[in-house]
Amino acid sequence: MNRKNGGSLQEKTKLYITAALLVGIIGLIFYSTSQPYSNQDIRPVLNKMPIYWLENTFVNDISFTYGYQVRSIEANGVAGFLEFFIRKASHLSIFAVVGFLATRLLAFYVRVRTAALITFFTVLIYACIDETRQYFSAGRQGLIGDVIIDTVGGTIGIIAMVLWLKRKKRKKRKHSA
């Protein structure tokens, strides 16, 4: 955005839309992580799906510990094991959107590199605050592993936005030359 005259109406509209989307996503994260796990359990839905063929694949041999619990088809059932990955993919993707939007929002005001750095630390701090809040909420647990997943997701979003802005800048230079 042109910092001298405040930018065009089109730039201001983009700014407001980006800010509204970011606030909406952060609100969704806050709401979602305020709910007890029992309100978000998707295993009953998964149990109605034809997923039991996974027991006859290499997936049945996967076993690891996460959050002080063994994660495997044997320990969690097919639906529970699958739900674990859906939940972690949700962490990753929602924080990727946060990283993407926050970098874009800040890039209206500061250089892209600075926006990316500020966003990275903001995502990390927000992930820590969110997991700490969950740690003290009934029916939830805060995990350092989730902070890592959230931060990786945010970093993916940051990188995607930086690459998009670079490409956009290159195209703009090419068309103006």
Protein backbone atom coordinates (compact mmCIF):
# COMPACT_ATOMS: atom_id res chain seq x y z
CA MET A 1 0.00 0.00 0.00
CA ASN A 2 1.26 3.47 -0.74
CA ARG A 3 2.25 4.66 2.70
CA LYS A 4 2.37 8.37 1.75
CA ASN A 5 -1.22 8.94 0.65
CA GLY A 6 -2.85 6.04 2.48
CA GLY A 7 -3.36 3.94 -0.64
CA SER A 8 -6.12 3.63 -3.19
CA LEU A 9 -9.65 2.55 -2.44
CA GLN A 10 -8.82 -0.84 -4.00
CA GLU A 11 -5.79 -1.26 -1.70
CA LYS A 12 -7.81 -0.24 1.34
CA THR A 13 -10.53 -2.73 0.40
CA LYS A 14 -7.93 -5.51 0.13
CA LEU A 15 -6.53 -4.46 3.50
CA TYR A 16 -9.94 -4.54 5.20
CA ILE A 17 -10.89 -7.87 3.65
CA THR A 18 -7.56 -9.42 4.69
CA ALA A 19 -7.94 -8.06 8.22
CA ALA A 20 -11.55 -9.31 8.48
CA LEU A 21 -10.58 -12.78 7.26
CA LEU A 22 -7.66 -12.93 9.70
CA VAL A 23 -9.82 -11.85 12.65
CA GLY A 24 -12.46 -14.39 11.58
CA ILE A 25 -9.93 -17.24 11.43
CA ILE A 26 -8.43 -16.31 14.80
CA GLY A 27 -11.95 -16.13 16.24
CA LEU A 28 -12.68 -19.59 14.81
CA ILE A 29 -9.51 -20.97 16.41
CA PHE A 30 -10.41 -19.39 19.76
CA TYR A 31 -13.96 -20.74 19.63
CA SER A 32 -12.90 -24.19 18.50
CA THR A 33 -10.18 -24.57 21.13
CA SER A 34 -12.59 -23.41 23.84
CA GLN A 35 -14.84 -26.40 23.18
CA PRO A 36 -14.26 -29.64 25.09
CA TYR A 37 -12.96 -32.50 22.97
CA SER A 38 -16.24 -34.37 23.46
CA ASN A 39 -18.04 -31.65 21.46
CA GLN A 40 -15.61 -32.11 18.55
CA ASP A 41 -15.30 -35.88 18.49
CA ILE A 42 -15.76 -36.99 14.86
CA ARG A 43 -15.23 -40.70 15.53
CA PRO A 44 -18.98 -41.45 15.41
CA VAL A 45 -19.12 -39.98 11.89
CA LEU A 46 -15.96 -41.80 10.82
CA ASN A 47 -17.29 -45.07 12.20
CA LYS A 48 -20.17 -44.85 9.71
CA MET A 49 -17.75 -44.62 6.80
CA PRO A 50 -16.08 -47.54 5.00
CA ILE A 51 -12.64 -47.04 6.56
CA TYR A 52 -11.98 -50.45 8.07
CA TRP A 53 -10.02 -51.62 5.04
CA LEU A 54 -7.12 -49.61 6.58
CA GLU A 55 -6.66 -52.48 9.05
CA ASN A 56 -5.44 -54.61 6.14
CA THR A 57 -2.74 -52.16 5.03
CA PHE A 58 0.64 -50.97 6.29
CA VAL A 59 -1.26 -48.31 8.30
CA ASN A 60 -2.15 -51.05 10.78
CA ASP A 61 1.57 -51.39 11.59
CA ILE A 62 2.05 -47.69 12.45
CA SER A 63 2.38 -46.96 16.15
CA PHE A 64 3.87 -43.95 17.96
CA THR A 65 3.41 -41.86 21.09
CA TYR A 66 1.97 -38.36 20.93
CA GLY A 67 0.63 -36.41 23.88
CA TYR A 68 1.62 -39.19 26.27
CA GLN A 69 -0.69 -41.60 24.45
CA VAL A 70 0.03 -44.44 22.05
CA ARG A 71 -1.40 -43.69 18.61
CA SER A 72 -2.21 -46.74 16.52
CA ILE A 73 -5.16 -48.56 15.03
CA GLU A 74 -4.79 -51.18 17.74
CA ALA A 75 -4.89 -48.60 20.56
CA ASN A 76 -7.37 -46.11 19.07
CA GLY A 77 -9.37 -48.05 16.51
CA VAL A 78 -9.45 -47.06 12.86
CA ALA A 79 -11.72 -44.06 13.46
CA GLY A 80 -9.65 -42.78 16.41
CA PHE A 81 -6.38 -43.17 14.53
CA LEU A 82 -7.77 -41.41 11.46
CA GLU A 83 -9.30 -38.66 13.60
CA PHE A 84 -5.88 -37.96 15.12
CA PHE A 85 -4.45 -37.17 11.67
CA ILE A 86 -7.49 -35.11 10.69
CA ARG A 87 -7.08 -33.02 13.85
CA LYS A 88 -3.36 -32.46 13.27
CA ALA A 89 -3.99 -31.60 9.60
CA SER A 90 -6.55 -29.06 10.84
CA HIS A 91 -3.94 -27.49 13.12
CA LEU A 92 -1.47 -27.28 10.27
CA SER A 93 -3.87 -25.89 7.70
CA ILE A 94 -5.65 -23.33 9.89
CA PHE A 95 -2.35 -21.89 11.06
CA ALA A 96 -1.10 -21.87 7.45
CA VAL A 97 -4.06 -19.61 6.69
CA VAL A 98 -3.17 -17.41 9.69
CA GLY A 99 0.45 -17.16 8.50
CA PHE A 100 -0.67 -16.40 4.93
CA LEU A 101 -3.17 -13.68 5.91
CA ALA A 102 -1.05 -12.09 8.64
CA THR A 103 1.94 -11.81 6.31
CA ARG A 104 -0.27 -10.22 3.65
CA LEU A 105 -1.76 -7.81 6.16
CA LEU A 106 1.60 -6.70 7.49
CA ALA A 107 3.05 -6.44 3.97
CA PHE A 108 0.64 -3.54 3.38
CA TYR A 109 2.72 -1.58 5.90
CA VAL A 110 6.25 -3.01 6.04
CA ARG A 111 8.66 -4.82 3.76
CA VAL A 112 7.72 -8.42 2.99
CA ARG A 113 10.77 -9.82 4.78
CA THR A 114 9.89 -7.86 7.92
CA ALA A 115 6.24 -8.92 7.64
CA ALA A 116 7.30 -12.57 7.38
CA LEU A 117 9.55 -12.34 10.44
CA ILE A 118 6.94 -10.55 12.56
CA THR A 119 4.30 -13.06 11.47
CA PHE A 120 6.50 -16.03 12.33
CA PHE A 121 7.02 -14.87 15.91
CA THR A 122 3.37 -13.84 16.24
CA VAL A 123 2.21 -17.29 15.09
CA LEU A 124 4.63 -18.96 17.51
CA ILE A 125 3.46 -16.82 20.43
CA TYR A 126 -0.21 -17.29 19.53
CA ALA A 127 0.26 -21.07 19.28
CA CYS A 128 1.90 -21.08 22.73
CA ILE A 129 -0.89 -18.97 24.23
CA ASP A 130 -3.57 -21.13 22.63
CA GLU A 131 -2.05 -24.40 23.87
CA THR A 132 -1.51 -22.93 27.35
CA ARG A 133 -5.16 -21.88 27.43
CA GLN A 134 -6.18 -25.41 26.40
CA TYR A 135 -3.98 -26.88 29.12
CA PHE A 136 -6.11 -25.09 31.72
CA SER A 137 -9.45 -25.86 30.02
CA ALA A 138 -11.58 -28.81 31.11
CA GLY A 139 -11.63 -31.62 28.59
CA ARG A 140 -8.64 -30.24 26.65
CA GLN A 141 -4.89 -30.69 26.76
CA GLY A 142 -2.18 -28.31 25.68
CA LEU A 143 0.69 -29.99 23.88
CA ILE A 144 4.10 -28.72 22.78
CA GLY A 145 3.70 -30.96 19.72
CA ASP A 146 0.65 -28.92 18.71
CA VAL A 147 2.65 -25.69 19.11
CA ILE A 148 5.21 -27.15 16.71
CA ILE A 149 2.52 -28.24 14.22
CA ASP A 150 0.84 -24.82 14.45
CA THR A 151 4.15 -23.03 13.89
CA VAL A 152 5.05 -25.25 10.93
CA GLY A 153 1.61 -24.51 9.47
CA GLY A 154 2.10 -20.78 9.99
CA THR A 155 5.52 -21.00 8.35
CA ILE A 156 4.04 -22.75 5.32
CA GLY A 157 1.49 -19.93 5.02
CA ILE A 158 4.21 -17.29 5.39
CA ILE A 159 6.35 -18.91 2.69
CA ALA A 160 3.36 -19.21 0.36
CA MET A 161 2.54 -15.51 0.78
CA VAL A 162 6.16 -14.40 0.35
CA LEU A 163 6.41 -16.42 -2.87
CA TRP A 164 3.07 -15.07 -4.09
CA LEU A 165 4.08 -11.46 -3.39
CA LYS A 166 7.46 -11.97 -5.11
CA ARG A 167 5.74 -13.41 -8.17
CA LYS A 168 3.23 -10.56 -8.19
CA LYS A 169 6.04 -7.99 -7.96
CA ARG A 170 7.96 -9.69 -10.79
CA LYS A 171 4.88 -9.66 -13.02
CA LYS A 172 4.25 -6.00 -12.23
CA ARG A 173 7.84 -5.09 -13.18
CA LYS A 174 7.59 -7.13 -16.37
CA HIS A 175 4.37 -5.39 -17.45
CA SER A 176 5.63 -1.89 -16.63
CA ALA A 177 8.92 -2.37 -18.53
